[in-house]
C-alpha cells in the first residue's frame, strides 16, 4: 500500500520529463498512485474495458463522466429513473453551466428516439434503476445514442460486472459506486469510470487530474481486498434476494414486489436476455403508505435501516424520505416511487432469519 501524496525524482531532468509526459512515472497522488493504479487495472479487467480512472465516490464517477465531456451549449439525454443525486446533478448543476438536459422514460425507446432527434453529447442511464429496478434495453439505447452522435454512460452498480457487461452491449462508458458491492462491507467510499483507452486518457484523465476527485490509496487497498470476495458475495446475496422476493410476494401487508428475476416484473424478459443474474436488491410497496412503511421498518430486528446498499448486512430504506426526497410528489409518482415503497439490499444473513424478520414486522401492519 503506497500511502504517499508525492514522489521523489532522481533529478530535475526526470521531474521535467514526467511532467511533459515523455517519461512514465508517478508525479503526485492526485495524478496517480501505485495502489490506485492496481485498483484501476483490476476494475477495467473485471468490466471488460480498456482503461479505468478511479474516483473518490460513485457520484464523483457519475459527475466526472458527464462533466469531462460537456461544455456550455451541449445537451444530455437521460432516463429519469436514476439515483436521487444523479437527478440533482442533471436538474440543478448542469443547467447552471448552460448544458441542456432532457429526461425521458428509459423503457420507452420511442421517447428516447424523439429526444435524440435534436442531437446530444451523451446519454445517461441506470439498469437496473434505483429504486424501482427498471430494466433498460442497453443494446438498443447504445444504437440510438451512437446514431445521434452521443456517447452512452451506464451506471451498472446494481447489476455488477458479474451479471451485466454494458460495454459488450454497446455502452461507451460504465460508472460504478465501488462503495457498494466492490467494497461490500460498508467501510469506504470509491468509484470508477471505465471506457476506451482514448476516452479515459484524452477526456477523463485531464478532468480527474485537474479537478481532484481522486481515490485515496487506503480506500483503493480496501476496495482491492473487497474485490477478492466480490463474486462470492454477490452470487450468494442474489440467491437470497430471489427467495426474499418470492416470500414478500405472498406476505401480508405487501402490495407489490419489484425484482427482475420474477416473471411478474415488467421487464423480466429483457432482464433475462441481457443479464446473467438479477442482483440483490428487492423493492416492495407496503400497505398503508409512509405510516405503514415506517411501522414495518421500526419493527425490524435484524435488517438495519440505512440508505447504503450492497453491504454484507441487509439494509432497508424508504426512498421517498431519503434517496429521492428532493423530488416532488409528482416526479416520484412518475418514477413509481410511492409513499409505501421500500428498497431492501439483501445481505449474507441466513435466508430464514431474513424472512422471519420481515414476516414478523409485516404481520403487524
Protein backbone atom coordinates (compact mmCIF):
# COMPACT_ATOMS: atom_id res chain seq x y z
CA UNK A 1 0.00 0.00 0.00
CA UNK A 2 1.53 3.31 -1.10
CA UNK A 3 0.29 5.87 1.40
CA UNK A 4 2.06 8.84 -0.09
CA UNK A 5 0.94 12.15 -1.55
CA UNK A 6 4.06 12.88 -3.58
CA UNK A 7 7.06 11.17 -5.16
CA UNK A 8 10.77 11.89 -5.36
CA UNK A 9 12.79 12.17 -8.56
CA UNK A 10 16.34 11.16 -9.34
CA UNK A 11 16.95 14.56 -10.91
CA UNK A 12 15.19 17.74 -12.03
CA UNK A 13 15.52 16.43 -15.57
CA UNK A 14 13.47 13.37 -14.61
CA UNK A 15 10.83 15.57 -12.98
CA UNK A 16 10.63 17.69 -16.13
CA UNK A 17 10.27 14.58 -18.30
CA UNK A 18 7.47 13.19 -16.20
CA UNK A 19 5.55 16.45 -16.23
CA UNK A 20 5.98 16.67 -20.01
CA UNK A 21 4.83 13.09 -20.36
CA UNK A 22 7.98 11.93 -22.13
CA UNK A 23 8.81 9.55 -19.26
CA UNK A 24 6.38 7.30 -17.46
CA UNK A 25 6.21 7.53 -13.70
CA UNK A 26 4.26 8.92 -10.79
CA UNK A 27 4.15 12.65 -10.08
CA UNK A 28 1.55 13.28 -7.39
CA UNK A 29 -1.18 11.07 -5.95
CA UNK A 30 -3.89 13.31 -7.35
CA UNK A 31 -2.47 12.28 -10.74
CA UNK A 32 -1.82 8.64 -9.92
CA UNK A 33 -0.68 6.20 -7.25
CA UNK A 34 0.59 2.59 -7.48
CA UNK A 35 -2.15 1.19 -5.22
CA UNK A 36 -4.84 3.15 -7.02
CA UNK A 37 -3.42 2.04 -10.37
CA UNK A 38 -3.77 -1.59 -9.33
CA UNK A 39 -7.41 -0.98 -8.44
CA UNK A 40 -7.99 0.75 -11.79
CA UNK A 41 -6.37 -2.10 -13.73
CA UNK A 42 -8.49 -4.71 -11.98
CA UNK A 43 -11.73 -2.77 -12.39
CA UNK A 44 -11.06 -2.36 -16.12
CA UNK A 45 -10.31 -6.06 -16.47
CA UNK A 46 -13.37 -7.03 -14.47
CA UNK A 47 -15.66 -4.87 -16.60
CA UNK A 48 -14.02 -5.67 -19.93
CA UNK A 49 -13.00 -2.07 -20.59
CA UNK A 50 -9.71 -0.82 -21.95
CA UNK A 51 -8.96 1.62 -19.15
CA UNK A 52 -10.31 2.95 -15.85
CA UNK A 53 -9.97 6.06 -13.74
CA UNK A 54 -10.68 5.77 -10.04
CA UNK A 55 -12.76 8.38 -8.23
CA UNK A 56 -13.39 9.25 -4.61
CA UNK A 57 -17.04 8.12 -4.72
CA UNK A 58 -19.72 6.84 -7.05
CA UNK A 59 -21.18 10.31 -7.52
CA UNK A 60 -17.70 11.60 -8.37
CA UNK A 61 -17.66 8.94 -11.10
CA UNK A 62 -21.07 9.94 -12.49
CA UNK A 63 -20.49 13.70 -12.35
CA UNK A 64 -16.96 13.22 -13.70
CA UNK A 65 -18.09 11.03 -16.60
CA UNK A 66 -20.54 13.79 -17.54
CA UNK A 67 -18.53 16.95 -16.93
CA UNK A 68 -15.31 15.71 -18.52
CA UNK A 69 -17.01 15.67 -21.92
CA UNK A 70 -19.55 18.51 -21.64
CA UNK A 71 -19.40 22.24 -22.33
CA UNK A 72 -21.87 25.10 -22.50
CA UNK A 73 -24.39 24.52 -25.26
CA UNK A 74 -24.20 20.73 -25.09
CA UNK A 75 -27.17 18.52 -24.37
CA UNK A 76 -27.65 15.45 -22.18
CA UNK A 77 -30.47 12.95 -22.60
CA UNK A 78 -31.07 10.72 -19.59
CA UNK A 79 -33.53 8.17 -18.31
CA UNK A 80 -35.47 9.80 -15.48
CA UNK A 81 -35.27 6.62 -13.36
CA UNK A 82 -31.97 7.47 -11.69
CA UNK A 83 -30.48 7.75 -8.22
CA UNK A 84 -31.57 10.96 -6.49
CA UNK A 85 -28.13 12.58 -6.53
CA UNK A 86 -27.73 11.81 -10.23
CA UNK A 87 -31.01 13.61 -10.87
CA UNK A 88 -29.75 16.57 -8.82
CA UNK A 89 -26.63 16.82 -10.99
CA UNK A 90 -28.78 16.73 -14.13
CA UNK A 91 -31.55 19.05 -12.98
CA UNK A 92 -29.69 21.54 -10.79
CA UNK A 93 -25.96 21.59 -11.59
CA UNK A 94 -25.58 21.06 -15.34
CA UNK A 95 -28.10 23.79 -16.33
CA UNK A 96 -26.04 26.35 -14.35
CA UNK A 97 -23.31 25.90 -16.96
CA UNK A 98 -25.55 26.18 -19.98
CA UNK A 99 -25.94 22.44 -20.51
CA UNK A 100 -29.41 21.34 -21.56
CA UNK A 101 -30.91 18.19 -20.05
CA UNK A 102 -33.83 16.14 -21.34
CA UNK A 103 -35.30 13.36 -19.19
CA UNK A 104 -37.25 10.51 -20.74
CA UNK A 105 -38.84 7.23 -19.79
CA UNK A 106 -35.90 4.95 -20.44
CA UNK A 107 -38.14 1.95 -21.07
CA UNK A 108 -39.84 3.79 -23.97
CA UNK A 109 -37.43 3.70 -26.91
CA UNK A 110 -39.71 5.95 -28.95
CA UNK A 111 -39.37 8.69 -26.32
CA UNK A 112 -35.61 8.30 -26.39
CA UNK A 113 -35.54 8.34 -30.19
CA UNK A 114 -37.57 11.54 -30.23
CA UNK A 115 -35.37 13.19 -27.60
CA UNK A 116 -32.23 12.29 -29.56
CA UNK A 117 -33.61 13.66 -32.82
CA UNK A 118 -32.16 17.05 -31.95
CA UNK A 119 -28.75 15.55 -31.18
CA UNK A 120 -26.94 15.10 -27.87
CA UNK A 121 -23.46 14.84 -26.46
CA UNK A 122 -24.12 11.97 -24.08
CA UNK A 123 -26.86 9.71 -22.75
CA UNK A 124 -27.01 8.53 -19.12
CA UNK A 125 -28.98 5.52 -17.87
CA UNK A 126 -29.14 3.10 -14.94
CA UNK A 127 -30.16 -0.51 -15.39
CA UNK A 128 -31.49 -1.86 -13.09
CA UNK A 129 -32.59 1.55 -11.84
CA UNK A 130 -32.62 2.81 -8.28
CA UNK A 131 -35.01 2.11 -6.55
CA UNK A 132 -37.74 0.69 -8.82
CA UNK A 133 -35.45 -1.74 -10.68
CA UNK A 134 -36.47 -0.74 -14.19
CA UNK A 135 -34.55 -2.66 -16.86
CA UNK A 136 -33.46 -0.71 -19.92
CA UNK A 137 -32.51 -2.16 -23.29
CA UNK A 138 -28.83 -1.18 -23.26
CA UNK A 139 -28.03 -2.53 -26.73
CA UNK A 140 -30.85 -0.60 -28.39
CA UNK A 141 -30.14 2.54 -26.39
CA UNK A 142 -26.49 2.31 -27.45
CA UNK A 143 -27.51 2.16 -31.13
CA UNK A 144 -29.85 5.15 -30.77
CA UNK A 145 -27.19 7.12 -28.88
CA UNK A 146 -24.50 6.45 -31.46
CA UNK A 147 -26.82 7.28 -34.35
CA UNK A 148 -27.36 10.68 -32.69
CA UNK A 149 -23.60 11.19 -32.23
CA UNK A 150 -23.79 10.71 -28.45
CA UNK A 151 -21.81 8.58 -26.06
CA UNK A 152 -23.67 6.23 -23.72
CA UNK A 153 -22.92 6.15 -19.99
CA UNK A 154 -24.35 3.23 -18.00
CA UNK A 155 -24.50 3.13 -14.20
CA UNK A 156 -24.07 -0.61 -13.61
CA UNK A 157 -23.98 -0.64 -9.80
CA UNK A 158 -26.99 -2.86 -9.15
CA UNK A 159 -26.03 -5.48 -11.74
CA UNK A 160 -22.25 -5.54 -11.08
CA UNK A 161 -19.90 -6.75 -13.85
CA UNK A 162 -20.68 -10.33 -12.88
CA UNK A 163 -24.28 -10.09 -14.06
CA UNK A 164 -24.17 -7.44 -16.80
CA UNK A 165 -21.47 -6.14 -19.15
CA UNK A 166 -22.70 -2.85 -20.68
CA UNK A 167 -19.58 -2.39 -22.82
CA UNK A 168 -20.30 -5.70 -24.54
CA UNK A 169 -23.83 -4.41 -25.16
CA UNK A 170 -22.53 -1.26 -26.85
CA UNK A 171 -22.09 1.24 -24.00
CA UNK A 172 -19.12 3.60 -24.20
CA UNK A 173 -18.65 4.35 -20.51
CA UNK A 174 -19.55 2.37 -17.39
CA UNK A 175 -19.61 4.01 -13.97
CA UNK A 176 -19.59 2.42 -10.53
CA UNK A 177 -20.02 3.35 -6.95
CA UNK A 178 -17.40 0.96 -5.61
CA UNK A 179 -18.75 1.84 -2.17
CA UNK A 180 -21.44 -0.72 -2.88
CA UNK A 181 -20.60 -4.27 -3.97
CA UNK A 182 -16.89 -3.76 -4.70
CA UNK A 183 -16.20 -3.00 -1.04
CA UNK A 184 -19.42 -4.65 0.03
CA UNK A 185 -18.78 -4.22 3.72
CA UNK A 186 -19.70 -0.61 4.42
CA UNK A 187 -16.14 0.57 5.03
CA UNK A 188 -15.02 3.09 2.41
CA UNK A 189 -16.18 5.29 -0.45
CA UNK A 190 -14.93 4.87 -4.00
CA UNK A 191 -15.92 4.97 -7.65
CA UNK A 192 -14.75 4.12 -11.14
CA UNK A 193 -15.12 5.40 -14.71
CA UNK A 194 -14.41 2.69 -17.27
CA UNK A 195 -14.17 3.08 -21.04
CA UNK A 196 -11.89 3.05 -24.04
CA UNK A 197 -8.20 3.91 -23.80
CA UNK A 198 -8.79 7.03 -25.88
CA UNK A 199 -11.69 8.31 -23.79
CA UNK A 200 -10.00 7.63 -20.46
CA UNK A 201 -6.67 9.12 -21.50
CA UNK A 202 -7.77 12.09 -23.58
CA UNK A 203 -11.03 13.08 -21.87
CA UNK A 204 -11.24 11.67 -18.34
CA UNK A 205 -7.59 11.96 -17.31
CA UNK A 206 -7.27 15.77 -17.69
CA UNK A 207 -10.52 16.25 -15.79
CA UNK A 208 -9.57 13.97 -12.87
CA UNK A 209 -6.03 15.30 -12.60
CA UNK A 210 -7.03 18.93 -12.54
CA UNK A 211 -10.29 18.85 -10.57
CA UNK A 212 -9.15 16.34 -7.95
CA UNK A 213 -11.92 13.77 -7.23
CA UNK A 214 -9.13 11.29 -6.57
CA UNK A 215 -9.40 7.99 -4.73
CA UNK A 216 -7.20 7.66 -1.65
CA UNK A 217 -4.60 4.86 -1.68
CA UNK A 218 -6.00 3.41 1.54
CA UNK A 219 -9.52 3.23 0.09
CA UNK A 220 -8.11 1.67 -3.07
CA UNK A 221 -6.43 -1.02 -0.98
CA UNK A 222 -9.67 -1.75 0.90
CA UNK A 223 -11.54 -1.97 -2.40
CA UNK A 224 -8.91 -4.35 -3.78
CA UNK A 225 -9.46 -6.62 -0.80
CA UNK A 226 -13.22 -6.38 -1.35
CA UNK A 227 -12.81 -7.44 -4.98
CA UNK A 228 -11.28 -10.72 -3.83
CA UNK A 229 -14.62 -11.86 -2.40
CA UNK A 230 -16.97 -9.81 -4.56
CA UNK A 231 -18.20 -12.59 -6.82
CA UNK A 232 -18.80 -14.96 -3.91
CA UNK A 233 -20.75 -12.30 -2.03
CA UNK A 234 -22.91 -11.04 -4.88
CA UNK A 235 -23.87 -14.53 -6.03
CA UNK A 236 -24.89 -15.58 -2.51
CA UNK A 237 -26.77 -12.32 -1.96
CA UNK A 238 -28.57 -12.66 -5.28
CA UNK A 239 -29.66 -16.20 -4.46
CA UNK A 240 -31.06 -14.95 -1.16
CA UNK A 241 -32.73 -11.93 -2.79
CA UNK A 242 -34.70 -14.18 -5.15
CA UNK A 243 -36.02 -16.14 -2.17
CA UNK A 244 -36.84 -12.96 -0.26
CA UNK A 245 -38.73 -11.60 -3.28
CA UNK A 246 -40.82 -14.76 -3.51
CA UNK A 247 -41.51 -14.63 0.22
CA UNK A 248 -42.60 -11.00 0.06
CA UNK A 249 -44.93 -11.68 -2.88
CA UNK A 250 -47.06 -13.79 -0.54
CA UNK A 251 -46.55 -11.82 2.67
CA UNK A 252 -49.37 -9.86 4.36
CA UNK A 253 -49.18 -6.10 4.05
CA UNK A 254 -47.21 -6.16 0.76
CA UNK A 255 -48.98 -4.62 -2.23
CA UNK A 256 -46.28 -5.04 -4.89
CA UNK A 257 -42.86 -6.68 -5.25
CA UNK A 258 -40.27 -5.48 -7.77
CA UNK A 259 -37.49 -7.94 -8.59
CA UNK A 260 -36.15 -8.51 -12.14
CA UNK A 261 -35.84 -12.24 -11.53
CA UNK A 262 -39.58 -12.68 -11.03
CA UNK A 263 -41.83 -13.38 -14.01
CA UNK A 264 -44.18 -10.60 -12.87
CA UNK A 265 -41.52 -7.91 -13.26
CA UNK A 266 -42.49 -5.64 -16.19
CA UNK A 267 -39.13 -6.14 -17.96
CA UNK A 268 -38.34 -9.68 -16.81
CA UNK A 269 -37.76 -11.00 -20.34
CA UNK A 270 -35.37 -8.15 -21.17
CA UNK A 271 -33.51 -8.66 -17.89
CA UNK A 272 -33.10 -12.35 -18.67
CA UNK A 273 -31.76 -11.52 -22.14
CA UNK A 274 -29.02 -9.08 -21.08
CA UNK A 275 -28.23 -10.16 -17.51
CA UNK A 276 -26.84 -13.44 -16.19
CA UNK A 277 -28.14 -12.76 -12.67
CA UNK A 278 -30.74 -10.41 -11.23
CA UNK A 279 -28.94 -8.76 -8.33
CA UNK A 280 -29.51 -8.47 -4.61
CA UNK A 281 -31.95 -5.54 -4.46
CA UNK A 282 -35.66 -6.08 -3.87
CA UNK A 283 -38.13 -3.19 -3.73
CA UNK A 284 -41.67 -3.56 -2.47
CA UNK A 285 -44.73 -1.49 -1.58
CA UNK A 286 -46.07 -1.78 1.96
CA UNK A 287 -49.75 -1.21 2.68
CA UNK A 288 -50.59 1.99 4.49
CA UNK A 289 -48.18 4.31 2.69
CA UNK A 290 -45.46 6.08 4.64
CA UNK A 291 -47.04 5.28 8.00
CA UNK A 292 -47.25 1.58 7.19
CA UNK A 293 -43.69 1.52 5.82
CA UNK A 294 -42.30 3.27 8.90
CA UNK A 295 -44.13 0.84 11.17
CA UNK A 296 -42.53 -2.11 9.41
CA UNK A 297 -39.04 -0.58 9.37
CA UNK A 298 -39.29 0.24 13.07
CA UNK A 299 -40.20 -3.37 13.89
CA UNK A 300 -37.28 -4.96 12.05
CA UNK A 301 -34.72 -6.51 14.38
CA UNK A 302 -32.12 -8.00 12.03
CA UNK A 303 -32.31 -5.73 8.99
CA UNK A 304 -30.87 -2.26 9.52
CA UNK A 305 -32.43 0.97 8.31
CA UNK A 306 -29.79 2.59 6.08
CA UNK A 307 -29.65 4.32 2.69
CA UNK A 308 -26.47 2.43 1.77
CA UNK A 309 -26.66 -0.81 -0.21
CA UNK A 310 -24.50 -3.69 -1.38
CA UNK A 311 -23.32 -4.49 2.15
CA UNK A 312 -22.91 -7.97 3.59
CA UNK A 313 -25.54 -6.83 6.11
CA UNK A 314 -29.10 -6.45 4.88
CA UNK A 315 -30.14 -2.80 4.68
CA UNK A 316 -33.51 -1.19 4.02
CA UNK A 317 -34.55 2.37 3.21
CA UNK A 318 -37.64 4.43 2.40
CA UNK A 319 -36.77 6.26 -0.86
CA UNK A 320 -39.50 8.89 -0.59
CA UNK A 321 -37.88 10.32 2.54
CA UNK A 322 -34.22 9.50 1.85
CA UNK A 323 -32.60 8.93 -1.55
CA UNK A 324 -35.35 10.67 -3.57
CA UNK A 325 -36.68 13.16 -1.04
CA UNK A 326 -35.70 16.18 -3.20
CA UNK A 327 -38.14 15.18 -5.92
CA UNK A 328 -41.68 16.46 -5.96
CA UNK A 329 -44.55 14.09 -5.28
CA UNK A 330 -45.41 14.21 -8.99
CA UNK A 331 -41.84 13.39 -10.01
CA UNK A 332 -41.73 10.44 -7.62
CA UNK A 333 -45.08 9.21 -8.88
CA UNK A 334 -43.76 9.26 -12.45
CA UNK A 335 -40.92 7.02 -11.29
CA UNK A 336 -43.20 4.64 -9.42
CA UNK A 337 -41.89 5.75 -6.03
CA UNK A 338 -44.91 5.79 -3.75
CA UNK A 339 -45.19 6.52 -0.05
CA UNK A 340 -45.15 2.83 0.79
CA UNK A 341 -42.16 1.84 -1.34
CA UNK A 342 -39.08 0.49 0.44
CA UNK A 343 -35.79 -0.74 -1.05
CA UNK A 344 -34.15 -3.79 0.50
CA UNK A 345 -30.49 -4.61 -0.09
CA UNK A 346 -30.18 -8.29 0.78
CA UNK A 347 -27.04 -9.27 2.67
CA UNK A 348 -25.47 -12.54 3.72
CA UNK A 349 -27.64 -13.42 6.70
CA UNK A 350 -29.37 -16.80 6.67
CA UNK A 351 -32.46 -16.67 4.47
CA UNK A 352 -34.71 -17.99 7.24
CA UNK A 353 -33.53 -15.24 9.57
CA UNK A 354 -34.34 -12.61 6.93
CA UNK A 355 -37.80 -13.94 6.14
CA UNK A 356 -38.59 -14.35 9.82
CA UNK A 357 -37.59 -10.74 10.49
CA UNK A 358 -39.62 -9.43 7.55
CA UNK A 359 -42.58 -11.67 8.32
CA UNK A 360 -42.74 -10.58 11.95
CA UNK A 361 -42.60 -6.91 11.00
CA UNK A 362 -45.13 -7.19 8.17
CA UNK A 363 -47.57 -9.34 10.10
CA UNK A 364 -48.37 -6.41 12.39
CA UNK A 365 -49.16 -3.83 9.70
